Amino acid sequence: MKFLIAGLGNIGNEYAHTRHNIGFDVVNAFVQKHKGSFTSSRLAYTAELKWKGKIFICICPTTFMNLSGKAVKYWMDKENISIENLLVIIDEVALPLNKLRLRPGGSDAGHNGLKSIHESLGTTQYPRLRFGIGNDFPKGMQSDFVLGKWRKEEEPLIKIKIEKAVEAIEMFAFQGITAAMNWINNQDFSL
C-alpha cells in the first residue's frame, strides 16, 4: 500500500514558514517524526518512508505553488499511486485558525495550488487536508497575509495543529479517510 503525501508551498527562504507554506511544514513534520529525510528530486523535494507495512512518498514541490500539479502528477505516475491514496496539504483562508478540515474532494476554492492539481489530474476528486490560517487581514491585503509569517502569539497553536495534521495523515493511511475526517473535522484547536 503506497501513499503520496504532497505538502504545497513555495521554495526559497523568503517563503519559509509563511502561512502559504504550511503544507511544506506539515509534510516536514511527518517525515521528521518517522525519521526520514528529504532529497532534491525531479520537480520536488522527496522523502520515502516505510511505516507499519505502508510506503509514504512525501513531496514538497519545487515548481512553486501555481504549478504544483506538475509535481503531483509526475510523482503519482512515477510511483503508480492511485488517486484515493493521494493527500494534498494546503493553507486555507476560508477556515479559521483553530480548524483543520479533511475532504475527499471538492473545488479549489480559489487556491492556485489546488487549481494546478485539478488541471494536471483532470479531476477535483482527490483527498486534501486544509489547514485553517484565518482571514485576519484588511481588504486587499490577502496576498501579503498569506505570504506573511505567523504572528508570535499564533506560533504555539500552529505547532499543535501541525502535530494534529501529522496524526491526521497517519489516520488517513491506516483507518481511511472517513474515520480521519470524523476525528479531525470536528475539533477546535486551542491552547
N, C-alpha and C. Protein backbone atom coordinates (compact mmCIF):
# COMPACT_ATOMS: atom_id res chain seq x y z
N MET A 1 0.85 -1.18 0.00
CA MET A 1 0.00 0.00 0.00
C MET A 1 0.89 1.24 0.00
N LYS A 2 0.74 2.07 -1.02
CA LYS A 2 1.61 3.23 -1.20
C LYS A 2 0.78 4.52 -1.22
N PHE A 3 1.29 5.55 -0.55
CA PHE A 3 0.61 6.84 -0.45
C PHE A 3 1.52 7.96 -0.94
N LEU A 4 0.91 8.97 -1.56
CA LEU A 4 1.64 10.17 -1.92
C LEU A 4 1.12 11.30 -1.03
N ILE A 5 2.01 11.84 -0.20
CA ILE A 5 1.66 12.93 0.71
C ILE A 5 2.33 14.18 0.15
N ALA A 6 1.52 15.12 -0.35
CA ALA A 6 2.04 16.31 -1.01
C ALA A 6 1.71 17.56 -0.20
N GLY A 7 2.73 18.18 0.34
CA GLY A 7 2.55 19.45 1.04
C GLY A 7 2.88 20.58 0.09
N LEU A 8 1.95 21.52 -0.06
CA LEU A 8 2.18 22.59 -1.03
C LEU A 8 2.79 23.83 -0.37
N GLY A 9 3.59 24.53 -1.17
CA GLY A 9 4.24 25.74 -0.72
C GLY A 9 5.11 26.30 -1.83
N ASN A 10 5.92 27.27 -1.49
CA ASN A 10 6.87 27.87 -2.42
C ASN A 10 8.27 27.68 -1.89
N ILE A 11 9.22 27.40 -2.80
CA ILE A 11 10.61 27.24 -2.37
C ILE A 11 11.26 28.61 -2.23
N GLY A 12 12.31 28.66 -1.43
CA GLY A 12 13.04 29.91 -1.21
C GLY A 12 12.89 30.37 0.23
N ASN A 13 13.97 30.92 0.77
CA ASN A 13 13.99 31.34 2.18
C ASN A 13 12.93 32.38 2.51
N GLU A 14 12.60 33.24 1.52
CA GLU A 14 11.61 34.29 1.81
C GLU A 14 10.22 33.73 2.06
N TYR A 15 9.98 32.47 1.63
CA TYR A 15 8.67 31.84 1.83
C TYR A 15 8.65 30.85 3.00
N ALA A 16 9.82 30.55 3.54
CA ALA A 16 9.91 29.53 4.60
C ALA A 16 9.04 29.93 5.80
N HIS A 17 8.24 28.98 6.26
CA HIS A 17 7.40 29.11 7.45
C HIS A 17 6.38 30.25 7.35
N THR A 18 5.96 30.57 6.12
CA THR A 18 4.86 31.51 5.94
C THR A 18 3.55 30.72 5.98
N ARG A 19 2.44 31.42 6.06
CA ARG A 19 1.13 30.75 6.08
C ARG A 19 0.93 29.90 4.83
N HIS A 20 1.35 30.43 3.68
CA HIS A 20 1.15 29.73 2.40
C HIS A 20 1.98 28.45 2.33
N ASN A 21 3.02 28.34 3.15
CA ASN A 21 3.92 27.19 3.11
C ASN A 21 3.61 26.16 4.19
N ILE A 22 2.45 26.24 4.80
CA ILE A 22 2.14 25.31 5.88
C ILE A 22 2.12 23.86 5.39
N GLY A 23 1.80 23.64 4.12
CA GLY A 23 1.85 22.29 3.55
C GLY A 23 3.25 21.70 3.66
N PHE A 24 4.27 22.51 3.33
CA PHE A 24 5.66 22.07 3.47
C PHE A 24 5.95 21.73 4.93
N ASP A 25 5.51 22.61 5.85
CA ASP A 25 5.82 22.42 7.27
C ASP A 25 5.18 21.15 7.83
N VAL A 26 3.95 20.85 7.40
CA VAL A 26 3.27 19.63 7.87
C VAL A 26 3.99 18.39 7.33
N VAL A 27 4.31 18.38 6.05
CA VAL A 27 5.00 17.21 5.48
C VAL A 27 6.38 17.04 6.09
N ASN A 28 7.09 18.16 6.33
CA ASN A 28 8.39 18.08 7.02
C ASN A 28 8.24 17.45 8.40
N ALA A 29 7.21 17.85 9.14
CA ALA A 29 6.99 17.31 10.48
C ALA A 29 6.69 15.81 10.41
N PHE A 30 5.90 15.39 9.42
CA PHE A 30 5.58 13.97 9.23
C PHE A 30 6.85 13.17 8.93
N VAL A 31 7.69 13.69 8.04
CA VAL A 31 8.94 13.00 7.66
C VAL A 31 9.89 12.93 8.86
N GLN A 32 10.00 14.03 9.62
CA GLN A 32 10.89 14.04 10.79
C GLN A 32 10.41 13.04 11.84
N LYS A 33 9.09 13.02 12.07
CA LYS A 33 8.54 12.10 13.08
C LYS A 33 8.89 10.65 12.75
N HIS A 34 8.93 10.34 11.46
CA HIS A 34 9.19 8.96 11.03
C HIS A 34 10.63 8.76 10.57
N LYS A 35 11.51 9.66 11.03
CA LYS A 35 12.97 9.54 10.85
C LYS A 35 13.40 9.47 9.39
N GLY A 36 12.69 10.19 8.54
CA GLY A 36 13.07 10.24 7.13
C GLY A 36 13.86 11.50 6.84
N SER A 37 14.31 11.62 5.61
CA SER A 37 14.99 12.85 5.18
C SER A 37 14.69 13.10 3.71
N PHE A 38 14.71 14.37 3.36
CA PHE A 38 14.38 14.78 2.00
C PHE A 38 15.63 14.81 1.12
N THR A 39 15.43 14.49 -0.15
CA THR A 39 16.46 14.70 -1.16
C THR A 39 15.84 15.53 -2.27
N SER A 40 16.70 16.20 -3.01
CA SER A 40 16.23 17.00 -4.13
C SER A 40 16.04 16.06 -5.32
N SER A 41 14.81 15.99 -5.81
CA SER A 41 14.46 15.08 -6.90
C SER A 41 13.79 15.87 -8.02
N ARG A 42 13.25 15.17 -8.96
CA ARG A 42 12.59 15.83 -10.09
C ARG A 42 11.31 16.53 -9.63
N LEU A 43 11.23 17.82 -9.82
CA LEU A 43 10.08 18.67 -9.53
C LEU A 43 9.71 18.79 -8.05
N ALA A 44 10.50 18.19 -7.16
CA ALA A 44 10.12 18.20 -5.73
C ALA A 44 11.29 17.77 -4.85
N TYR A 45 11.19 18.18 -3.58
CA TYR A 45 11.99 17.54 -2.54
C TYR A 45 11.18 16.32 -2.14
N THR A 46 11.83 15.17 -2.06
CA THR A 46 11.09 13.93 -1.78
C THR A 46 11.72 13.16 -0.62
N ALA A 47 10.87 12.42 0.06
CA ALA A 47 11.31 11.50 1.12
C ALA A 47 10.44 10.26 1.02
N GLU A 48 11.06 9.10 1.09
CA GLU A 48 10.30 7.85 1.09
C GLU A 48 10.39 7.23 2.47
N LEU A 49 9.22 6.94 3.05
CA LEU A 49 9.16 6.35 4.39
C LEU A 49 8.45 5.01 4.31
N LYS A 50 8.91 4.08 5.13
CA LYS A 50 8.17 2.83 5.31
C LYS A 50 7.75 2.79 6.77
N TRP A 51 6.46 2.59 6.99
CA TRP A 51 5.95 2.60 8.36
C TRP A 51 4.76 1.66 8.44
N LYS A 52 4.87 0.68 9.35
CA LYS A 52 3.79 -0.29 9.59
C LYS A 52 3.28 -0.93 8.29
N GLY A 53 4.22 -1.30 7.43
CA GLY A 53 3.86 -2.01 6.21
C GLY A 53 3.36 -1.14 5.07
N LYS A 54 3.37 0.15 5.26
CA LYS A 54 2.93 1.05 4.19
C LYS A 54 4.10 1.93 3.74
N ILE A 55 4.04 2.36 2.50
CA ILE A 55 5.08 3.23 1.95
C ILE A 55 4.48 4.61 1.72
N PHE A 56 5.21 5.62 2.18
CA PHE A 56 4.78 7.01 2.00
C PHE A 56 5.82 7.72 1.15
N ILE A 57 5.38 8.20 0.00
CA ILE A 57 6.20 9.07 -0.82
C ILE A 57 5.77 10.49 -0.46
N CYS A 58 6.65 11.25 0.16
CA CYS A 58 6.32 12.59 0.63
C CYS A 58 7.01 13.59 -0.28
N ILE A 59 6.24 14.57 -0.76
CA ILE A 59 6.82 15.56 -1.65
C ILE A 59 6.48 16.98 -1.22
N CYS A 60 7.46 17.86 -1.44
CA CYS A 60 7.27 19.30 -1.36
C CYS A 60 7.69 19.82 -2.74
N PRO A 61 6.71 20.12 -3.59
CA PRO A 61 7.05 20.52 -4.97
C PRO A 61 7.97 21.73 -5.03
N THR A 62 8.90 21.70 -5.97
CA THR A 62 9.82 22.82 -6.19
C THR A 62 9.38 23.65 -7.40
N THR A 63 8.16 23.45 -7.82
CA THR A 63 7.62 24.11 -9.01
C THR A 63 6.99 25.47 -8.71
N PHE A 64 6.96 25.85 -7.46
CA PHE A 64 6.16 26.97 -6.95
C PHE A 64 4.69 26.58 -6.97
N MET A 65 3.95 27.21 -6.08
CA MET A 65 2.55 26.86 -5.81
C MET A 65 1.70 26.70 -7.07
N ASN A 66 1.81 27.67 -7.98
CA ASN A 66 0.91 27.71 -9.14
C ASN A 66 1.12 26.58 -10.13
N LEU A 67 2.21 25.82 -9.98
CA LEU A 67 2.46 24.69 -10.87
C LEU A 67 2.58 23.38 -10.09
N SER A 68 2.02 23.35 -8.90
CA SER A 68 2.10 22.16 -8.03
C SER A 68 1.61 20.89 -8.72
N GLY A 69 0.62 21.04 -9.58
CA GLY A 69 0.04 19.87 -10.25
C GLY A 69 1.05 19.09 -11.07
N LYS A 70 2.02 19.78 -11.66
CA LYS A 70 3.05 19.08 -12.44
C LYS A 70 3.80 18.07 -11.58
N ALA A 71 4.19 18.50 -10.39
CA ALA A 71 4.94 17.63 -9.48
C ALA A 71 4.05 16.50 -8.96
N VAL A 72 2.82 16.83 -8.57
CA VAL A 72 1.91 15.81 -8.02
C VAL A 72 1.65 14.73 -9.08
N LYS A 73 1.34 15.15 -10.30
CA LYS A 73 1.06 14.17 -11.37
C LYS A 73 2.30 13.34 -11.67
N TYR A 74 3.46 13.98 -11.77
CA TYR A 74 4.69 13.25 -12.06
C TYR A 74 4.94 12.15 -11.03
N TRP A 75 4.84 12.48 -9.74
CA TRP A 75 5.14 11.50 -8.69
C TRP A 75 4.04 10.44 -8.55
N MET A 76 2.79 10.82 -8.82
CA MET A 76 1.72 9.80 -8.83
C MET A 76 1.99 8.77 -9.92
N ASP A 77 2.33 9.26 -11.11
CA ASP A 77 2.60 8.36 -12.23
C ASP A 77 3.86 7.54 -12.00
N LYS A 78 4.93 8.20 -11.57
CA LYS A 78 6.21 7.52 -11.36
C LYS A 78 6.08 6.40 -10.32
N GLU A 79 5.36 6.68 -9.24
CA GLU A 79 5.23 5.71 -8.14
C GLU A 79 3.98 4.84 -8.26
N ASN A 80 3.20 5.07 -9.31
CA ASN A 80 1.99 4.29 -9.55
C ASN A 80 1.04 4.31 -8.34
N ILE A 81 0.70 5.52 -7.92
CA ILE A 81 -0.14 5.72 -6.74
C ILE A 81 -1.55 6.10 -7.19
N SER A 82 -2.54 5.41 -6.64
CA SER A 82 -3.92 5.70 -7.03
C SER A 82 -4.38 7.00 -6.37
N ILE A 83 -5.36 7.64 -7.01
CA ILE A 83 -5.79 8.97 -6.59
C ILE A 83 -6.35 8.99 -5.17
N GLU A 84 -6.99 7.89 -4.74
CA GLU A 84 -7.53 7.88 -3.37
C GLU A 84 -6.42 7.78 -2.33
N ASN A 85 -5.19 7.45 -2.76
CA ASN A 85 -4.05 7.39 -1.84
C ASN A 85 -3.17 8.63 -1.92
N LEU A 86 -3.69 9.67 -2.58
CA LEU A 86 -3.02 10.97 -2.62
C LEU A 86 -3.62 11.82 -1.50
N LEU A 87 -2.78 12.53 -0.77
CA LEU A 87 -3.27 13.51 0.20
C LEU A 87 -2.47 14.79 0.01
N VAL A 88 -3.19 15.87 -0.29
CA VAL A 88 -2.58 17.19 -0.51
C VAL A 88 -2.84 18.05 0.72
N ILE A 89 -1.79 18.70 1.23
CA ILE A 89 -1.94 19.56 2.41
C ILE A 89 -1.72 21.01 1.98
N ILE A 90 -2.70 21.86 2.30
CA ILE A 90 -2.65 23.27 1.88
C ILE A 90 -3.12 24.20 3.00
N ASP A 91 -2.80 25.49 2.80
CA ASP A 91 -3.31 26.55 3.66
C ASP A 91 -4.72 26.92 3.19
N GLU A 92 -5.55 27.41 4.11
CA GLU A 92 -6.94 27.76 3.74
C GLU A 92 -7.39 29.01 4.49
N VAL A 93 -7.57 30.14 3.75
CA VAL A 93 -8.02 31.39 4.38
C VAL A 93 -9.48 31.33 4.79
N ALA A 94 -10.26 30.48 4.15
CA ALA A 94 -11.70 30.40 4.46
C ALA A 94 -11.97 29.60 5.74
N LEU A 95 -10.94 29.03 6.32
CA LEU A 95 -11.09 28.28 7.59
C LEU A 95 -10.43 29.08 8.70
N PRO A 96 -11.08 29.15 9.88
CA PRO A 96 -10.44 29.86 10.99
C PRO A 96 -9.17 29.16 11.45
N LEU A 97 -8.36 29.89 12.17
CA LEU A 97 -7.06 29.41 12.63
C LEU A 97 -7.18 28.16 13.51
N ASN A 98 -8.32 27.96 14.15
CA ASN A 98 -8.46 26.83 15.08
C ASN A 98 -8.97 25.55 14.40
N LYS A 99 -8.98 25.51 13.06
CA LYS A 99 -9.56 24.36 12.35
C LYS A 99 -8.61 23.69 11.37
N LEU A 100 -8.80 22.38 11.23
CA LEU A 100 -8.23 21.58 10.15
C LEU A 100 -9.42 20.90 9.48
N ARG A 101 -9.40 20.76 8.17
CA ARG A 101 -10.53 20.12 7.50
C ARG A 101 -10.03 19.15 6.45
N LEU A 102 -10.42 17.89 6.58
CA LEU A 102 -10.07 16.84 5.63
C LEU A 102 -11.28 16.57 4.76
N ARG A 103 -11.07 16.51 3.45
CA ARG A 103 -12.16 16.25 2.50
C ARG A 103 -11.69 15.27 1.43
N PRO A 104 -12.62 14.45 0.88
CA PRO A 104 -12.25 13.51 -0.18
C PRO A 104 -12.17 14.17 -1.56
N GLY A 105 -12.60 15.42 -1.66
CA GLY A 105 -12.58 16.12 -2.94
C GLY A 105 -13.26 17.46 -2.78
N GLY A 106 -13.47 18.14 -3.91
CA GLY A 106 -14.16 19.42 -3.86
C GLY A 106 -13.47 20.46 -4.72
N SER A 107 -13.99 21.67 -4.71
CA SER A 107 -13.47 22.73 -5.57
C SER A 107 -12.12 23.21 -5.06
N ASP A 108 -11.43 23.99 -5.91
CA ASP A 108 -10.14 24.55 -5.49
C ASP A 108 -10.33 25.78 -4.60
N ALA A 109 -11.56 26.31 -4.53
CA ALA A 109 -11.90 27.48 -3.68
C ALA A 109 -10.91 28.63 -3.89
N GLY A 110 -10.44 28.78 -5.13
CA GLY A 110 -9.52 29.87 -5.44
C GLY A 110 -8.07 29.63 -5.07
N HIS A 111 -7.76 28.44 -4.59
CA HIS A 111 -6.37 28.12 -4.21
C HIS A 111 -5.60 27.70 -5.46
N ASN A 112 -4.55 28.45 -5.80
CA ASN A 112 -3.83 28.19 -7.05
C ASN A 112 -3.13 26.84 -7.09
N GLY A 113 -2.70 26.34 -5.95
CA GLY A 113 -2.08 25.01 -5.91
C GLY A 113 -3.09 23.93 -6.28
N LEU A 114 -4.29 24.01 -5.68
CA LEU A 114 -5.34 23.03 -6.00
C LEU A 114 -5.81 23.18 -7.44
N LYS A 115 -5.86 24.40 -7.92
CA LYS A 115 -6.26 24.66 -9.31
C LYS A 115 -5.29 23.94 -10.26
N SER A 116 -4.00 24.04 -9.97
CA SER A 116 -2.97 23.40 -10.79
C SER A 116 -3.11 21.87 -10.74
N ILE A 117 -3.39 21.33 -9.56
CA ILE A 117 -3.56 19.88 -9.42
C ILE A 117 -4.79 19.42 -10.20
N HIS A 118 -5.87 20.17 -10.11
CA HIS A 118 -7.09 19.87 -10.87
C HIS A 118 -6.78 19.82 -12.36
N GLU A 119 -6.05 20.82 -12.86
CA GLU A 119 -5.69 20.86 -14.28
C GLU A 119 -4.82 19.67 -14.67
N SER A 120 -3.87 19.30 -13.82
CA SER A 120 -2.96 18.19 -14.14
C SER A 120 -3.62 16.83 -14.04
N LEU A 121 -4.50 16.65 -13.05
CA LEU A 121 -5.12 15.34 -12.84
C LEU A 121 -6.45 15.21 -13.59
N GLY A 122 -7.04 16.34 -13.98
CA GLY A 122 -8.33 16.30 -14.68
C GLY A 122 -9.50 15.96 -13.77
N THR A 123 -9.32 16.16 -12.47
CA THR A 123 -10.40 15.89 -11.51
C THR A 123 -10.18 16.72 -10.25
N THR A 124 -11.29 16.97 -9.53
CA THR A 124 -11.19 17.62 -8.22
C THR A 124 -11.42 16.60 -7.11
N GLN A 125 -11.58 15.34 -7.50
CA GLN A 125 -11.89 14.28 -6.53
C GLN A 125 -10.62 13.58 -6.05
N TYR A 126 -9.90 14.27 -5.18
CA TYR A 126 -8.73 13.69 -4.52
C TYR A 126 -8.69 14.28 -3.11
N PRO A 127 -8.21 13.50 -2.14
CA PRO A 127 -8.21 13.95 -0.74
C PRO A 127 -7.29 15.15 -0.51
N ARG A 128 -7.79 16.07 0.33
CA ARG A 128 -6.96 17.21 0.71
C ARG A 128 -7.23 17.57 2.17
N LEU A 129 -6.16 18.00 2.83
CA LEU A 129 -6.23 18.45 4.22
C LEU A 129 -5.99 19.96 4.19
N ARG A 130 -7.03 20.70 4.56
CA ARG A 130 -6.94 22.17 4.58
C ARG A 130 -6.58 22.62 5.99
N PHE A 131 -5.54 23.44 6.07
CA PHE A 131 -5.02 23.95 7.33
C PHE A 131 -5.51 25.39 7.47
N GLY A 132 -6.46 25.62 8.37
CA GLY A 132 -7.03 26.95 8.53
C GLY A 132 -5.99 27.97 8.95
N ILE A 133 -5.89 29.06 8.18
CA ILE A 133 -4.96 30.13 8.54
C ILE A 133 -5.72 31.40 8.92
N GLY A 134 -7.07 31.35 8.82
CA GLY A 134 -7.88 32.51 9.16
C GLY A 134 -7.83 33.57 8.07
N ASN A 135 -8.56 34.64 8.30
CA ASN A 135 -8.60 35.73 7.30
C ASN A 135 -8.55 37.09 7.98
N ASP A 136 -7.62 37.20 8.92
CA ASP A 136 -7.48 38.41 9.71
C ASP A 136 -6.57 39.42 8.99
N PHE A 137 -7.09 39.97 7.88
CA PHE A 137 -6.30 40.94 7.12
C PHE A 137 -7.23 42.00 6.55
N PRO A 138 -6.71 43.22 6.34
CA PRO A 138 -7.53 44.28 5.75
C PRO A 138 -7.86 43.99 4.29
N LYS A 139 -8.94 44.58 3.82
CA LYS A 139 -9.36 44.40 2.43
C LYS A 139 -8.21 44.71 1.46
N GLY A 140 -8.03 43.81 0.50
CA GLY A 140 -6.98 43.99 -0.50
C GLY A 140 -5.60 43.52 -0.06
N MET A 141 -5.50 42.98 1.14
CA MET A 141 -4.19 42.59 1.68
C MET A 141 -4.03 41.08 1.81
N GLN A 142 -4.88 40.29 1.14
CA GLN A 142 -4.83 38.84 1.28
C GLN A 142 -3.47 38.27 0.90
N SER A 143 -2.90 38.74 -0.20
CA SER A 143 -1.62 38.21 -0.67
C SER A 143 -0.53 38.42 0.38
N ASP A 144 -0.46 39.63 0.95
CA ASP A 144 0.54 39.92 1.99
C ASP A 144 0.33 39.03 3.21
N PHE A 145 -0.93 38.82 3.57
CA PHE A 145 -1.27 37.99 4.73
C PHE A 145 -0.83 36.54 4.50
N VAL A 146 -1.24 35.99 3.36
CA VAL A 146 -0.96 34.59 3.05
C VAL A 146 0.55 34.34 2.94
N LEU A 147 1.27 35.29 2.36
CA LEU A 147 2.72 35.13 2.18
C LEU A 147 3.51 35.62 3.40
N GLY A 148 2.78 36.03 4.45
CA GLY A 148 3.43 36.53 5.67
C GLY A 148 3.72 35.40 6.66
N LYS A 149 4.55 35.74 7.63
CA LYS A 149 4.90 34.79 8.70
C LYS A 149 3.80 34.78 9.76
N TRP A 150 3.75 33.70 10.53
CA TRP A 150 2.81 33.61 11.65
C TRP A 150 3.14 34.69 12.67
N ARG A 151 2.11 35.20 13.32
CA ARG A 151 2.34 36.13 14.44
C ARG A 151 2.88 35.33 15.62
N LYS A 152 3.67 35.98 16.44
CA LYS A 152 4.30 35.32 17.60
C LYS A 152 3.26 34.58 18.45
N GLU A 153 2.12 35.23 18.69
CA GLU A 153 1.10 34.63 19.55
C GLU A 153 0.38 33.44 18.87
N GLU A 154 0.51 33.33 17.54
CA GLU A 154 -0.11 32.20 16.83
C GLU A 154 0.76 30.95 16.85
N GLU A 155 2.06 31.13 17.01
CA GLU A 155 3.01 30.02 16.84
C GLU A 155 2.73 28.80 17.71
N PRO A 156 2.39 28.95 19.02
CA PRO A 156 2.11 27.75 19.82
C PRO A 156 0.92 26.94 19.27
N LEU A 157 -0.12 27.63 18.81
CA LEU A 157 -1.28 26.94 18.25
C LEU A 157 -0.91 26.26 16.93
N ILE A 158 -0.09 26.90 16.11
CA ILE A 158 0.33 26.33 14.84
C ILE A 158 1.11 25.03 15.10
N LYS A 159 1.96 25.04 16.12
CA LYS A 159 2.73 23.84 16.47
C LYS A 159 1.79 22.69 16.82
N ILE A 160 0.77 22.96 17.62
CA ILE A 160 -0.22 21.93 17.98
C ILE A 160 -0.95 21.43 16.73
N LYS A 161 -1.36 22.35 15.87
CA LYS A 161 -2.11 21.96 14.67
C LYS A 161 -1.24 21.14 13.71
N ILE A 162 0.05 21.48 13.61
CA ILE A 162 0.95 20.68 12.76
C ILE A 162 1.01 19.25 13.29
N GLU A 163 1.14 19.09 14.62
CA GLU A 163 1.16 17.74 15.21
C GLU A 163 -0.14 16.99 14.91
N LYS A 164 -1.27 17.67 15.01
CA LYS A 164 -2.56 17.04 14.73
C LYS A 164 -2.70 16.69 13.26
N ALA A 165 -2.18 17.56 12.39
CA ALA A 165 -2.21 17.30 10.96
C ALA A 165 -1.39 16.04 10.63
N VAL A 166 -0.26 15.87 11.31
CA VAL A 166 0.57 14.66 11.13
C VAL A 166 -0.24 13.43 11.57
N GLU A 167 -0.94 13.53 12.69
CA GLU A 167 -1.79 12.42 13.14
C GLU A 167 -2.90 12.14 12.13
N ALA A 168 -3.44 13.20 11.52
CA ALA A 168 -4.49 13.03 10.52
C ALA A 168 -3.96 12.26 9.29
N ILE A 169 -2.71 12.54 8.88
CA ILE A 169 -2.09 11.81 7.77
C ILE A 169 -2.00 10.33 8.13
N GLU A 170 -1.55 10.04 9.33
CA GLU A 170 -1.41 8.65 9.78
C GLU A 170 -2.76 7.95 9.81
N MET A 171 -3.76 8.63 10.34
CA MET A 171 -5.10 8.05 10.43
C MET A 171 -5.69 7.83 9.03
N PHE A 172 -5.48 8.79 8.13
CA PHE A 172 -5.92 8.67 6.74
C PHE A 172 -5.37 7.39 6.12
N ALA A 173 -4.09 7.11 6.37
CA ALA A 173 -3.44 5.93 5.77
C ALA A 173 -3.87 4.62 6.43
N PHE A 174 -4.14 4.64 7.72
CA PHE A 174 -4.38 3.39 8.43
C PHE A 174 -5.83 3.10 8.73
N GLN A 175 -6.67 4.13 8.86
CA GLN A 175 -8.08 3.90 9.19
C GLN A 175 -9.02 4.37 8.10
N GLY A 176 -8.46 5.04 7.09
CA GLY A 176 -9.28 5.50 5.98
C GLY A 176 -9.73 6.93 6.16
N ILE A 177 -10.17 7.52 5.06
CA ILE A 177 -10.50 8.94 5.06
C ILE A 177 -11.72 9.26 5.92
N THR A 178 -12.71 8.36 5.96
CA THR A 178 -13.93 8.64 6.72
C THR A 178 -13.62 8.77 8.21
N ALA A 179 -12.88 7.81 8.74
CA ALA A 179 -12.51 7.86 10.17
C ALA A 179 -11.66 9.09 10.46
N ALA A 180 -10.73 9.39 9.57
CA ALA A 180 -9.85 10.55 9.77
C ALA A 180 -10.66 11.85 9.72
N MET A 181 -11.62 11.94 8.79
CA MET A 181 -12.48 13.12 8.69
C MET A 181 -13.32 13.28 9.95
N ASN A 182 -13.90 12.20 10.42
CA ASN A 182 -14.74 12.26 11.62
C ASN A 182 -13.94 12.74 12.83
N TRP A 183 -12.68 12.35 12.88
CA TRP A 183 -11.83 12.71 14.01
C TRP A 183 -11.36 14.16 13.91
N ILE A 184 -10.82 14.57 12.77
CA ILE A 184 -10.16 15.87 12.67
C ILE A 184 -11.12 17.02 12.42
N ASN A 185 -12.18 16.79 11.63
CA ASN A 185 -13.04 17.90 11.21
C ASN A 185 -13.87 18.51 12.33
N ASN A 186 -14.08 17.73 13.38
CA ASN A 186 -14.95 18.22 14.49
C ASN A 186 -14.16 18.87 15.61
N GLN A 187 -12.85 18.97 15.46
CA GLN A 187 -12.04 19.53 16.54
C GLN A 187 -11.85 21.04 16.38
N ASP A 188 -11.88 21.72 17.51
CA ASP A 188 -11.46 23.12 17.58
C ASP A 188 -10.15 23.13 18.35
N PHE A 189 -9.11 23.65 17.72
CA PHE A 189 -7.80 23.63 18.36
C PHE A 189 -7.58 24.94 19.10
N SER A 190 -7.11 24.80 20.33
CA SER A 190 -6.78 25.99 21.12
C SER A 190 -5.67 25.64 22.08
N LEU A 191 -5.12 26.65 22.71
CA LEU A 191 -4.01 26.41 23.66
C LEU A 191 -4.55 26.10 25.03
